[in-house]
N, C-alpha and C. Protein backbone atom coordinates (compact mmCIF):
# COMPACT_ATOMS: atom_id res chain seq x y z
N MET A 1 13.72 5.06 -9.43
CA MET A 1 14.40 4.99 -10.61
C MET A 1 15.76 4.29 -10.78
N LEU A 2 16.10 3.76 -9.38
CA LEU A 2 17.46 2.93 -9.18
C LEU A 2 17.16 1.67 -9.90
N PRO A 3 15.84 1.06 -9.66
CA PRO A 3 15.71 -0.07 -10.14
C PRO A 3 15.95 -0.30 -11.75
N GLN A 4 15.49 0.73 -12.22
CA GLN A 4 15.64 0.80 -13.80
C GLN A 4 16.96 0.97 -14.17
N ILE A 5 17.56 1.96 -13.55
CA ILE A 5 18.98 2.11 -14.02
C ILE A 5 20.16 0.82 -13.79
N ALA A 6 19.65 0.08 -12.53
CA ALA A 6 20.49 -1.23 -12.57
C ALA A 6 19.92 -2.13 -13.41
N CYS A 7 18.84 -2.45 -13.80
CA CYS A 7 18.42 -3.44 -14.89
C CYS A 7 18.71 -2.94 -16.20
N ARG A 8 18.68 -2.01 -16.71
CA ARG A 8 18.45 -1.80 -18.21
C ARG A 8 19.87 -1.30 -18.52
N LYS A 9 20.12 -2.08 -19.95
CA LYS A 9 21.57 -1.61 -20.25
C LYS A 9 21.30 0.00 -21.01
N VAL A 10 20.23 0.65 -21.46
CA VAL A 10 20.22 2.20 -21.82
C VAL A 10 20.60 2.92 -20.77
N TYR A 11 20.57 2.37 -19.45
CA TYR A 11 21.03 3.26 -18.47
C TYR A 11 22.45 3.06 -17.99
N LEU A 12 23.25 2.33 -18.86
CA LEU A 12 24.82 1.69 -18.25
C LEU A 12 25.82 3.01 -17.83
N ARG A 13 25.23 4.07 -18.81
CA ARG A 13 26.57 5.20 -18.52
C ARG A 13 26.07 5.93 -17.23
N ILE A 14 24.75 5.95 -16.99
CA ILE A 14 24.22 6.60 -15.64
C ILE A 14 24.57 5.65 -14.50
N ARG A 15 24.55 4.60 -14.50
CA ARG A 15 25.07 3.83 -13.53
C ARG A 15 26.26 3.71 -13.35
N ASP A 16 27.12 3.77 -14.21
CA ASP A 16 28.69 4.07 -14.28
C ASP A 16 29.17 5.29 -13.54
N GLN A 17 27.94 6.18 -13.93
CA GLN A 17 28.21 7.56 -13.15
C GLN A 17 28.05 7.56 -11.64
N LEU A 18 26.78 7.07 -11.46
CA LEU A 18 26.42 6.78 -10.11
C LEU A 18 27.48 6.03 -9.16
N LEU A 19 28.12 5.01 -9.54
CA LEU A 19 29.02 4.12 -9.17
C LEU A 19 30.54 5.08 -8.85
N GLU A 20 30.74 5.89 -10.06
CA GLU A 20 31.98 6.26 -9.79
C GLU A 20 31.94 7.45 -8.67
N GLU A 21 30.85 8.14 -8.61
CA GLU A 21 30.66 9.45 -7.81
C GLU A 21 30.39 8.87 -6.23
N ASN A 22 30.22 7.50 -6.33
CA ASN A 22 29.85 6.92 -4.95
C ASN A 22 28.53 7.40 -4.41
N LEU A 23 27.64 7.46 -5.41
CA LEU A 23 26.30 7.80 -4.72
C LEU A 23 25.35 6.34 -4.64
N VAL A 24 25.94 5.52 -5.53
CA VAL A 24 25.49 4.04 -4.79
C VAL A 24 26.59 3.19 -4.91
N THR A 25 26.11 1.90 -4.48
CA THR A 25 27.23 0.73 -4.29
C THR A 25 27.09 -0.17 -5.33
N GLU A 26 27.86 -1.08 -5.67
CA GLU A 26 27.68 -2.20 -6.07
C GLU A 26 26.77 -3.05 -5.43
N GLN A 27 26.81 -3.19 -4.31
CA GLN A 27 25.97 -4.16 -3.48
C GLN A 27 24.27 -3.41 -3.78
N GLN A 28 24.13 -2.04 -3.78
CA GLN A 28 22.73 -1.98 -4.08
C GLN A 28 22.44 -1.93 -5.44
N ILE A 29 23.40 -2.02 -6.75
CA ILE A 29 22.87 -2.36 -7.81
C ILE A 29 22.65 -3.66 -7.53
N SER A 30 23.56 -4.64 -7.11
CA SER A 30 23.28 -6.06 -7.51
C SER A 30 21.63 -6.29 -6.57
N GLN A 31 21.35 -5.68 -5.60
CA GLN A 31 20.52 -5.91 -4.83
C GLN A 31 19.16 -5.78 -5.82
N CYS A 32 19.12 -4.51 -6.30
CA CYS A 32 18.12 -3.76 -7.52
C CYS A 32 17.90 -4.81 -8.32
N ARG A 33 19.11 -5.25 -9.04
CA ARG A 33 19.13 -6.55 -10.04
C ARG A 33 18.39 -7.83 -9.68
N ARG A 34 18.67 -8.28 -8.52
CA ARG A 34 18.42 -9.59 -7.91
C ARG A 34 16.45 -9.19 -7.74
N LEU A 35 16.13 -8.11 -7.31
CA LEU A 35 14.80 -7.97 -6.92
C LEU A 35 13.85 -7.55 -8.21
N PHE A 36 14.34 -6.71 -9.07
CA PHE A 36 13.81 -6.21 -10.31
C PHE A 36 14.04 -6.61 -11.59
N ASP A 37 15.26 -7.12 -11.87
CA ASP A 37 15.73 -8.01 -13.02
C ASP A 37 14.41 -8.67 -13.70
N GLY A 38 14.03 -8.20 -14.86
CA GLY A 38 12.86 -9.01 -15.52
C GLY A 38 11.32 -8.62 -15.05
N ARG A 39 11.04 -7.86 -14.61
CA ARG A 39 9.86 -7.58 -13.55
C ARG A 39 9.03 -6.63 -14.67
N GLY A 40 9.72 -6.00 -15.79
CA GLY A 40 8.87 -5.08 -16.23
C GLY A 40 8.98 -3.60 -15.89
N LYS A 41 8.01 -2.94 -16.31
CA LYS A 41 8.09 -1.51 -15.72
C LYS A 41 7.45 -1.23 -14.55
N LEU A 42 8.16 -0.41 -13.61
CA LEU A 42 7.69 -0.24 -12.27
C LEU A 42 7.29 1.20 -12.42
N PHE A 43 6.26 1.33 -11.63
CA PHE A 43 5.24 2.60 -11.39
C PHE A 43 5.85 3.25 -9.99
N SER A 44 6.97 4.26 -10.12
CA SER A 44 7.47 4.58 -8.58
C SER A 44 6.05 5.35 -7.77
N HIS A 45 5.12 5.76 -8.15
CA HIS A 45 4.12 6.25 -7.42
C HIS A 45 3.36 5.00 -6.51
N SER A 46 3.44 3.96 -7.20
CA SER A 46 2.85 2.96 -6.25
C SER A 46 3.72 1.71 -6.02
N THR A 47 5.21 2.18 -5.68
CA THR A 47 5.86 1.30 -5.11
C THR A 47 6.25 1.61 -3.83
N VAL A 48 6.03 0.76 -2.78
CA VAL A 48 6.40 1.20 -1.18
C VAL A 48 7.14 0.36 -0.67
N PHE A 49 8.13 1.01 0.34
CA PHE A 49 9.26 0.27 0.68
C PHE A 49 9.21 0.33 2.39
N ARG A 50 8.17 0.74 2.66
CA ARG A 50 7.54 0.86 4.48
C ARG A 50 6.27 1.55 4.86
N LEU A 51 6.11 0.79 5.84
CA LEU A 51 4.86 1.60 6.49
C LEU A 51 4.98 3.20 6.66
N SER A 52 4.01 3.75 6.70
CA SER A 52 4.08 5.57 6.68
C SER A 52 4.35 5.75 5.54
N GLN A 53 4.79 5.39 4.57
CA GLN A 53 4.88 5.77 3.15
C GLN A 53 3.75 6.06 2.13
N GLU A 54 3.50 7.02 1.81
CA GLU A 54 2.44 7.42 0.87
C GLU A 54 2.11 7.04 -0.18
N PHE A 55 1.10 6.48 -0.88
CA PHE A 55 0.60 5.96 -1.93
C PHE A 55 -0.42 6.64 -2.53
N PRO A 56 -0.80 6.72 -3.97
CA PRO A 56 -1.98 7.11 -4.51
C PRO A 56 -3.19 6.06 -3.99
N ALA A 57 -4.32 6.48 -3.94
CA ALA A 57 -5.71 5.90 -3.65
C ALA A 57 -6.51 6.12 -4.23
N ASN A 58 -7.13 5.70 -5.17
CA ASN A 58 -8.26 5.85 -6.08
C ASN A 58 -9.56 4.79 -5.55
N PHE A 59 -10.36 5.67 -4.95
CA PHE A 59 -11.77 4.87 -3.86
C PHE A 59 -12.68 4.10 -4.81
N SER A 60 -12.53 4.45 -6.16
CA SER A 60 -13.13 3.59 -7.09
C SER A 60 -12.52 2.71 -7.65
N ARG A 61 -11.47 2.06 -7.59
CA ARG A 61 -10.75 1.06 -8.19
C ARG A 61 -10.08 0.09 -7.06
N GLU A 62 -9.50 -1.20 -7.58
CA GLU A 62 -8.74 -1.94 -6.53
C GLU A 62 -7.53 -1.08 -6.15
N LEU A 63 -6.86 -1.67 -5.16
CA LEU A 63 -5.59 -1.16 -4.62
C LEU A 63 -4.50 -2.06 -5.64
N HIS A 64 -3.66 -1.44 -6.10
CA HIS A 64 -2.64 -2.07 -6.71
C HIS A 64 -0.81 -1.40 -6.29
N LEU A 65 -0.39 -2.31 -5.55
CA LEU A 65 0.88 -1.74 -5.04
C LEU A 65 2.13 -2.70 -5.49
N THR A 66 3.26 -2.21 -5.50
CA THR A 66 4.32 -2.87 -5.55
C THR A 66 4.92 -2.99 -4.24
N VAL A 67 5.32 -4.12 -3.32
CA VAL A 67 5.88 -3.79 -2.27
C VAL A 67 7.18 -4.36 -2.17
N VAL A 68 8.10 -3.61 -1.73
CA VAL A 68 9.51 -3.92 -1.96
C VAL A 68 10.17 -4.23 -0.56
N GLY A 69 11.13 -5.34 -0.31
CA GLY A 69 11.61 -5.42 0.85
C GLY A 69 13.16 -5.63 0.73
N SER A 70 13.96 -5.86 1.62
CA SER A 70 15.21 -5.93 1.32
C SER A 70 15.77 -7.34 0.40
N GLU A 71 14.77 -8.35 0.72
CA GLU A 71 14.91 -9.61 -0.13
C GLU A 71 13.97 -10.16 -0.79
N GLU A 72 12.88 -9.58 -1.05
CA GLU A 72 11.82 -9.93 -2.12
C GLU A 72 10.84 -8.73 -2.44
N LEU A 73 10.07 -9.09 -3.40
CA LEU A 73 9.28 -8.07 -3.76
C LEU A 73 7.84 -8.79 -4.18
N LEU A 74 6.88 -8.09 -3.90
CA LEU A 74 5.56 -8.95 -3.94
C LEU A 74 4.73 -7.68 -4.63
N TYR A 75 3.71 -8.30 -5.57
CA TYR A 75 2.82 -7.28 -6.08
C TYR A 75 1.13 -7.30 -5.35
N LEU A 76 0.68 -6.18 -4.62
CA LEU A 76 -0.50 -6.34 -3.87
C LEU A 76 -1.62 -5.77 -4.55
N ASN A 77 -2.41 -6.47 -4.82
CA ASN A 77 -3.90 -6.13 -5.51
C ASN A 77 -4.72 -6.68 -4.55
N PHE A 78 -5.62 -5.77 -4.11
CA PHE A 78 -6.66 -6.17 -3.07
C PHE A 78 -7.90 -5.19 -3.24
N SER A 79 -9.11 -5.64 -2.95
CA SER A 79 -10.22 -4.66 -3.17
C SER A 79 -10.83 -4.39 -1.92
N LEU A 80 -9.84 -3.34 -1.26
CA LEU A 80 -10.08 -2.88 0.23
C LEU A 80 -11.47 -2.10 -0.37
N TYR A 81 -11.73 -1.19 -1.01
CA TYR A 81 -12.78 0.13 -1.48
C TYR A 81 -14.34 -0.64 -1.74
N ARG A 82 -14.22 -1.83 -2.02
CA ARG A 82 -15.23 -2.62 -2.61
C ARG A 82 -16.35 -3.19 -1.69
N THR A 83 -17.44 -3.21 -2.07
CA THR A 83 -18.64 -3.59 -1.18
C THR A 83 -19.89 -4.34 -1.67
N LEU A 84 -20.53 -4.93 -1.13
CA LEU A 84 -21.71 -5.76 -1.74
C LEU A 84 -22.84 -4.58 -1.75
N ALA A 85 -23.27 -4.19 -2.69
CA ALA A 85 -24.57 -3.52 -2.59
C ALA A 85 -25.74 -3.95 -3.86
N ASP A 86 -26.81 -4.44 -3.38
CA ASP A 86 -27.82 -4.75 -4.38
C ASP A 86 -27.37 -6.08 -5.07
N GLY A 87 -26.78 -6.83 -4.18
CA GLY A 87 -26.15 -8.31 -4.77
C GLY A 87 -24.93 -8.03 -5.64
N LEU A 88 -24.40 -7.24 -5.80
CA LEU A 88 -23.04 -6.76 -6.75
C LEU A 88 -22.16 -6.06 -5.82
N GLN A 89 -20.86 -6.60 -6.41
CA GLN A 89 -19.84 -6.13 -6.11
C GLN A 89 -19.45 -4.69 -6.69
N ARG A 90 -19.55 -3.65 -5.84
CA ARG A 90 -19.44 -2.33 -6.33
C ARG A 90 -18.48 -1.37 -5.53
N PHE A 91 -18.24 -0.49 -6.05
CA PHE A 91 -17.19 0.63 -5.24
C PHE A 91 -18.27 1.75 -4.69
N PRO A 92 -18.56 1.97 -3.71
CA PRO A 92 -19.32 2.93 -2.96
C PRO A 92 -19.04 4.34 -3.15
N TRP A 93 -17.54 4.68 -3.43
CA TRP A 93 -17.13 5.67 -3.13
C TRP A 93 -16.31 6.06 -4.58
N THR A 94 -16.26 7.37 -4.99
CA THR A 94 -15.54 7.88 -6.10
C THR A 94 -14.59 9.12 -5.22
N GLY A 95 -13.34 9.21 -5.95
CA GLY A 95 -12.55 10.29 -5.45
C GLY A 95 -11.30 9.54 -5.21
N SER A 96 -10.26 10.51 -4.85
CA SER A 96 -8.87 9.88 -4.80
C SER A 96 -8.11 10.65 -3.67
N GLY A 97 -7.16 10.18 -3.18
CA GLY A 97 -6.49 10.72 -2.26
C GLY A 97 -5.01 9.94 -2.17
N LEU A 98 -4.21 10.37 -1.00
CA LEU A 98 -2.98 9.71 -0.93
C LEU A 98 -3.21 9.11 0.58
N ALA A 99 -2.65 7.76 0.59
CA ALA A 99 -3.04 6.73 1.86
C ALA A 99 -1.73 6.33 2.11
N CYS A 100 -1.48 5.59 3.48
CA CYS A 100 -0.54 4.88 3.99
C CYS A 100 -0.88 3.97 5.04
N PHE A 101 -0.34 2.92 4.78
CA PHE A 101 -0.34 2.19 6.03
C PHE A 101 0.57 2.44 7.20
N GLU A 102 -0.01 2.07 8.28
CA GLU A 102 0.74 2.32 9.84
C GLU A 102 0.28 1.48 11.01
N PRO A 103 1.13 1.32 11.62
CA PRO A 103 1.12 -0.02 12.68
C PRO A 103 -0.19 0.66 13.58
N SER A 104 -1.00 -0.22 14.15
CA SER A 104 -1.99 0.07 15.10
C SER A 104 -1.24 0.17 16.48
N ASN A 105 -1.90 1.19 17.32
CA ASN A 105 -1.48 1.53 18.59
C ASN A 105 -2.60 1.49 19.32
N SER A 106 -3.55 0.61 18.79
CA SER A 106 -5.10 0.45 19.81
C SER A 106 -4.43 -0.54 20.89
N PRO A 107 -5.22 -0.43 22.08
CA PRO A 107 -5.09 -1.37 23.00
C PRO A 107 -5.72 -2.86 22.82
N GLN A 108 -6.62 -2.89 21.81
CA GLN A 108 -7.13 -4.03 21.56
C GLN A 108 -6.22 -5.07 20.85
N TYR A 109 -5.41 -4.30 19.87
CA TYR A 109 -4.42 -5.19 19.32
C TYR A 109 -3.08 -5.37 20.23
N ALA A 110 -2.94 -5.00 21.38
CA ALA A 110 -1.51 -5.25 22.01
C ALA A 110 -1.06 -6.30 21.77
N GLY A 111 0.42 -6.38 21.47
CA GLY A 111 1.00 -7.75 20.97
C GLY A 111 0.83 -8.21 20.08
N ARG A 112 0.13 -7.58 18.94
CA ARG A 112 0.08 -8.01 17.62
C ARG A 112 0.44 -7.48 16.49
N ARG A 113 0.80 -7.80 15.73
CA ARG A 113 1.24 -6.70 14.74
C ARG A 113 -0.11 -6.39 13.54
N VAL A 114 -0.65 -5.40 13.77
CA VAL A 114 -1.90 -5.01 12.97
C VAL A 114 -1.55 -3.63 12.64
N VAL A 115 -1.95 -3.67 11.20
CA VAL A 115 -1.86 -2.46 10.49
C VAL A 115 -3.35 -1.67 10.35
N HIS A 116 -3.12 -0.49 10.25
CA HIS A 116 -4.39 0.33 9.42
C HIS A 116 -4.02 1.19 8.46
N LEU A 117 -5.40 1.47 7.73
CA LEU A 117 -4.89 2.67 6.62
C LEU A 117 -5.46 3.86 6.76
N ARG A 118 -4.45 4.96 6.46
CA ARG A 118 -4.75 6.14 7.04
C ARG A 118 -4.77 7.04 5.70
N ILE A 119 -5.80 7.78 5.39
CA ILE A 119 -6.19 8.50 4.35
C ILE A 119 -5.46 9.86 4.41
N THR A 120 -4.26 10.17 4.13
CA THR A 120 -3.57 11.24 4.47
C THR A 120 -3.86 12.36 3.73
N LYS A 121 -4.39 12.55 2.87
CA LYS A 121 -4.88 13.51 2.03
C LYS A 121 -5.94 13.13 0.78
N ILE A 122 -7.24 13.94 0.73
CA ILE A 122 -7.98 14.02 0.02
C ILE A 122 -7.37 14.72 -1.24
N VAL A 123 -7.52 14.18 -2.68
CA VAL A 123 -6.99 15.00 -3.89
C VAL A 123 -8.09 15.37 -4.76
N THR A 124 -8.97 14.46 -5.04
CA THR A 124 -10.48 14.77 -5.63
C THR A 124 -11.36 14.35 -4.47
N PRO A 125 -12.61 15.42 -4.50
CA PRO A 125 -13.45 15.16 -3.42
C PRO A 125 -14.10 13.80 -3.33
N VAL A 126 -14.59 13.43 -2.56
CA VAL A 126 -15.25 11.84 -2.12
C VAL A 126 -16.67 12.12 -2.55
N ALA A 127 -17.49 11.22 -3.11
CA ALA A 127 -18.72 11.30 -3.29
C ALA A 127 -19.23 9.90 -3.41
N CYS A 128 -20.42 9.53 -2.84
CA CYS A 128 -21.13 8.40 -2.67
C CYS A 128 -21.80 7.81 -4.11
N THR A 129 -21.43 6.82 -4.84
CA THR A 129 -22.09 6.42 -5.94
C THR A 129 -23.12 5.50 -5.78
N ILE A 130 -23.57 5.41 -4.52
CA ILE A 130 -24.99 4.37 -4.46
C ILE A 130 -25.94 5.14 -3.59
N GLU A 131 -27.10 5.43 -4.42
CA GLU A 131 -28.07 5.99 -3.56
C GLU A 131 -28.48 5.53 -2.22
N GLY A 132 -28.50 6.10 -1.09
CA GLY A 132 -28.79 5.42 0.06
C GLY A 132 -27.89 4.84 0.83
N TYR A 133 -26.73 4.60 0.38
CA TYR A 133 -25.57 3.40 0.71
C TYR A 133 -25.34 3.66 2.19
N LYS A 134 -25.68 2.50 3.02
CA LYS A 134 -25.34 2.30 4.39
C LYS A 134 -24.60 1.03 4.81
N GLY A 135 -23.64 0.94 3.75
CA GLY A 135 -22.79 -0.47 3.72
C GLY A 135 -21.56 -0.48 5.01
N TRP A 136 -20.75 -1.39 4.63
CA TRP A 136 -19.51 -1.16 5.75
C TRP A 136 -18.95 -0.55 5.56
N LEU A 137 -18.15 0.06 4.55
CA LEU A 137 -17.30 1.05 4.17
C LEU A 137 -17.54 2.67 4.31
N LEU A 138 -17.38 3.32 5.52
CA LEU A 138 -17.34 4.55 5.52
C LEU A 138 -16.89 5.51 4.62
N LYS A 139 -17.30 6.82 4.68
CA LYS A 139 -16.58 7.60 3.54
C LYS A 139 -15.23 7.88 3.91
N PRO A 140 -14.22 7.55 3.21
CA PRO A 140 -12.73 8.13 3.31
C PRO A 140 -12.62 9.31 3.90
N GLU A 141 -11.98 10.04 4.95
CA GLU A 141 -11.71 11.31 5.37
C GLU A 141 -10.28 11.66 5.34
N GLU A 142 -10.08 12.80 4.98
CA GLU A 142 -8.40 13.23 5.04
C GLU A 142 -8.15 13.11 6.50
N GLY A 143 -7.01 12.71 6.84
CA GLY A 143 -6.14 12.35 8.07
C GLY A 143 -6.82 11.54 9.07
N GLN A 144 -7.66 10.75 8.62
CA GLN A 144 -8.53 9.81 9.31
C GLN A 144 -8.23 8.40 8.83
N LEU A 145 -8.33 7.54 9.73
CA LEU A 145 -7.97 6.19 9.49
C LEU A 145 -9.08 5.74 8.69
N LEU A 146 -9.12 4.69 7.58
CA LEU A 146 -10.21 4.25 7.02
C LEU A 146 -11.17 3.44 7.88
N THR A 147 -12.36 3.74 7.68
CA THR A 147 -13.16 3.13 8.85
C THR A 147 -14.35 2.25 8.22
N HIS A 148 -14.90 1.33 9.07
CA HIS A 148 -15.80 0.30 8.68
C HIS A 148 -16.86 0.12 9.50
N LEU A 149 -17.99 -0.66 9.20
CA LEU A 149 -18.59 -0.90 10.11
C LEU A 149 -18.92 -2.58 10.06
N PRO A 150 -18.16 -3.30 11.10
CA PRO A 150 -18.26 -4.56 11.03
C PRO A 150 -19.60 -5.28 11.04
N ARG A 151 -19.68 -6.30 10.49
CA ARG A 151 -21.03 -7.12 10.32
C ARG A 151 -21.50 -7.33 11.76
N GLY A 152 -22.81 -7.16 11.98
CA GLY A 152 -23.54 -7.01 13.17
C GLY A 152 -23.16 -6.07 14.37
N HIS A 153 -22.39 -5.00 14.25
CA HIS A 153 -21.77 -3.83 14.92
C HIS A 153 -22.71 -2.61 14.74
N ARG A 154 -22.73 -1.94 15.63
CA ARG A 154 -23.26 -0.65 15.31
C ARG A 154 -22.37 0.69 15.44
N THR A 155 -21.06 0.46 15.89
CA THR A 155 -19.85 1.05 16.13
C THR A 155 -18.90 1.20 15.11
N PRO A 156 -18.64 2.11 14.49
CA PRO A 156 -17.81 2.24 13.42
C PRO A 156 -16.26 1.51 13.98
N GLU A 157 -15.27 0.95 13.28
CA GLU A 157 -13.96 0.66 13.77
C GLU A 157 -13.02 0.73 12.55
N PRO A 158 -11.86 1.29 12.92
CA PRO A 158 -10.97 1.50 11.74
C PRO A 158 -10.55 0.23 11.34
N TRP A 159 -10.56 0.23 9.63
CA TRP A 159 -9.98 -0.70 9.07
C TRP A 159 -8.71 -1.55 9.62
N ALA A 160 -8.62 -2.62 10.08
CA ALA A 160 -7.41 -3.41 10.67
C ALA A 160 -6.83 -4.60 10.15
N TYR A 161 -5.74 -4.93 9.90
CA TYR A 161 -5.52 -6.19 9.23
C TYR A 161 -4.20 -6.74 10.09
N ASP A 162 -4.18 -8.04 10.63
CA ASP A 162 -3.52 -8.84 11.03
C ASP A 162 -2.40 -9.34 10.27
N ILE A 163 -1.00 -8.74 10.16
CA ILE A 163 -0.19 -9.08 9.14
C ILE A 163 0.46 -10.50 9.61
N ASP A 164 0.10 -11.17 10.50
CA ASP A 164 0.66 -12.66 10.62
C ASP A 164 -0.52 -13.40 10.15
N ALA A 165 -1.42 -13.01 9.36
CA ALA A 165 -2.15 -14.01 8.71
C ALA A 165 -1.62 -14.57 7.82
N LYS A 166 -2.04 -15.65 7.11
CA LYS A 166 -1.46 -16.48 6.22
C LYS A 166 -1.98 -16.02 4.58
N ARG A 167 -2.17 -14.82 4.57
CA ARG A 167 -2.66 -14.34 2.84
C ARG A 167 -1.51 -13.46 2.50
N ASN A 168 -2.07 -13.36 1.11
CA ASN A 168 -0.76 -12.75 0.22
C ASN A 168 -0.85 -11.11 0.72
N LEU A 169 -1.92 -10.69 1.33
CA LEU A 169 -1.66 -9.03 1.28
C LEU A 169 -1.03 -9.23 2.98
N ALA A 170 -1.15 -10.11 3.85
CA ALA A 170 -0.33 -10.02 5.00
C ALA A 170 1.14 -10.28 4.61
N ALA A 171 1.49 -11.09 3.61
CA ALA A 171 2.56 -11.35 3.30
C ALA A 171 3.32 -9.84 2.93
N ALA A 172 2.58 -9.17 1.98
CA ALA A 172 3.06 -7.97 1.63
C ALA A 172 3.14 -6.70 2.82
N LEU A 173 2.24 -6.75 3.53
CA LEU A 173 2.20 -5.97 4.87
C LEU A 173 3.44 -6.34 5.80
N ARG A 174 3.76 -7.67 5.90
CA ARG A 174 4.68 -8.20 6.63
C ARG A 174 6.29 -7.33 6.14
N ILE A 175 6.25 -7.13 4.84
CA ILE A 175 7.80 -6.78 4.39
C ILE A 175 7.76 -5.25 4.73
N LEU A 176 6.56 -4.66 4.68
CA LEU A 176 6.37 -3.13 5.02
C LEU A 176 7.07 -3.16 6.70
N TRP A 177 6.04 -3.81 7.17
CA TRP A 177 6.40 -3.91 8.96
C TRP A 177 7.85 -4.06 9.15
N ASN A 178 8.58 -5.16 8.57
CA ASN A 178 9.78 -5.43 8.99
C ASN A 178 10.94 -4.22 8.28
N SER A 179 10.51 -3.51 6.90
CA SER A 179 11.46 -2.66 6.55
C SER A 179 11.24 -1.37 7.35
N SER A 180 10.26 -1.25 8.38
CA SER A 180 9.78 0.05 8.93
C SER A 180 10.70 -0.13 10.33
N ARG A 181 11.18 -1.49 10.86
CA ARG A 181 12.01 -1.48 11.91
C ARG A 181 10.87 -1.11 13.23
N ILE A 182 9.84 -1.95 13.10
CA ILE A 182 8.74 -1.62 14.27
C ILE A 182 9.38 -2.75 15.27
N PRO A 183 9.39 -2.56 16.48
CA PRO A 183 9.56 -3.79 17.38
C PRO A 183 8.34 -4.74 17.39
């Protein structure tokens, strides 16, 4: 809510009151203006500031998040839950839950900055949308890392992403990593 209060004139009195009561600083207001001014409406439920922060996950849609760091803001849109089935891009699962990104502690990624996606809570039951589906993305399970079956492998592995890659997804995940103060 602070970004809206900092950037919109309609909230001027609320902003003044927060400053007067020392609940926020001018520096925080300025930082919000720098990052959010002119960005349009923000949805707090899909705005993340650090790894381990929960956000809503609809398993039959693309993932849309606003990722906020101390100096930049990125919109993250990616098709994590989509797969190729019968020659078409499809979402194999319905249902929803809460999820979060977290740093990997797997020995295979030692010395690298790699994140996983954990499904922290299932809100609406998960069901398969493709009859006989045996694709790469396994059923999302509450409390578990999102798991997939890598091409050519027989053993499922947690989805993992190297945040030092040169992609928009990596840039957004680097913001979360850096905001989480992970060594």
